[in-house]
Amino acid sequence: MITDLQDVLSANIKGMKRSAIRELLKYLGTPGLISFSGGFPSPLTFPVEDLKTIMVEVMETEAASALQYGATEGDMLLRTLLVERYKSQGIEMSIDNMIITTASQQALDLIAKMFIDRGDYVIVGLPSYLGGLSAFNSYGAKMIGIPMDDEGEDPAIMEAELKKLKEMAKSRSLSI
C-alpha cells in the first residue's frame, strides 16, 4: 500500500511551484479590498442584461449542444464564423488553424506545451503576466526578463540578451 504520494508523483509535478495566481485569488473576497490585479474587472462593468438575453436565446434554440461536451478545438459554428471574418479582412486561414480556448491561461498553457522543452529560454517582459510565467515555468522554461517602458521591451537589452543566447547556443552546438 502506498502511504506517501511523494514516491509516485512525476518529476514534473514535484518541480511545480504553487500558483501565485491561485494564492492571490484567496484574497479577492476580502471586504474593503480594491484589487488592481489584471483580469478582474469591476463586476459593475459586466453586461449582465445582455448576457441574460443571449443565454435565454441559446437555451431556447441550442440547449442540447450548448450544455453538452463539445469538440476540443471549440464550437464549429464559432470557428467557422471567425475564419470567415478573418478571410473578409484579408487574412488567409482555414478552420484547421483555428482553436477556441476558454481564456488566455489555457492558450498560454497550450503554447508552452507545444513550444517549450525543459531548460529552454523564454524572453518575457518586466513586468510580465503572472499566468504566462506560471505556464512557462510548469514546462521547465528558464525565463529572461526584459524591462519594459511605454513602448515595450527595451530593444538594446533585448538585443544583448539574444546575443548572449546565440553565443550559448554556439558553444553548445545548439540552434535557437
Foldseek 3Di string as FASTA:
>chain_A
DDDDCVVVDDPLVVQADPQPVVVVVVCPPPPPDDDPDPPDDDPVPDPVVVVVVVVVVCCVPPVVPVPDDDDQQDDPVVLVVVCVVVVVVVDDDDSVPGGDDPDVLVVLLVVLVPPPAAAAEDEAEVVHRSSNVNSNVSRRYDYDYFYADPVGGDVVVVVVVVVVVCVVCVVVVHDD
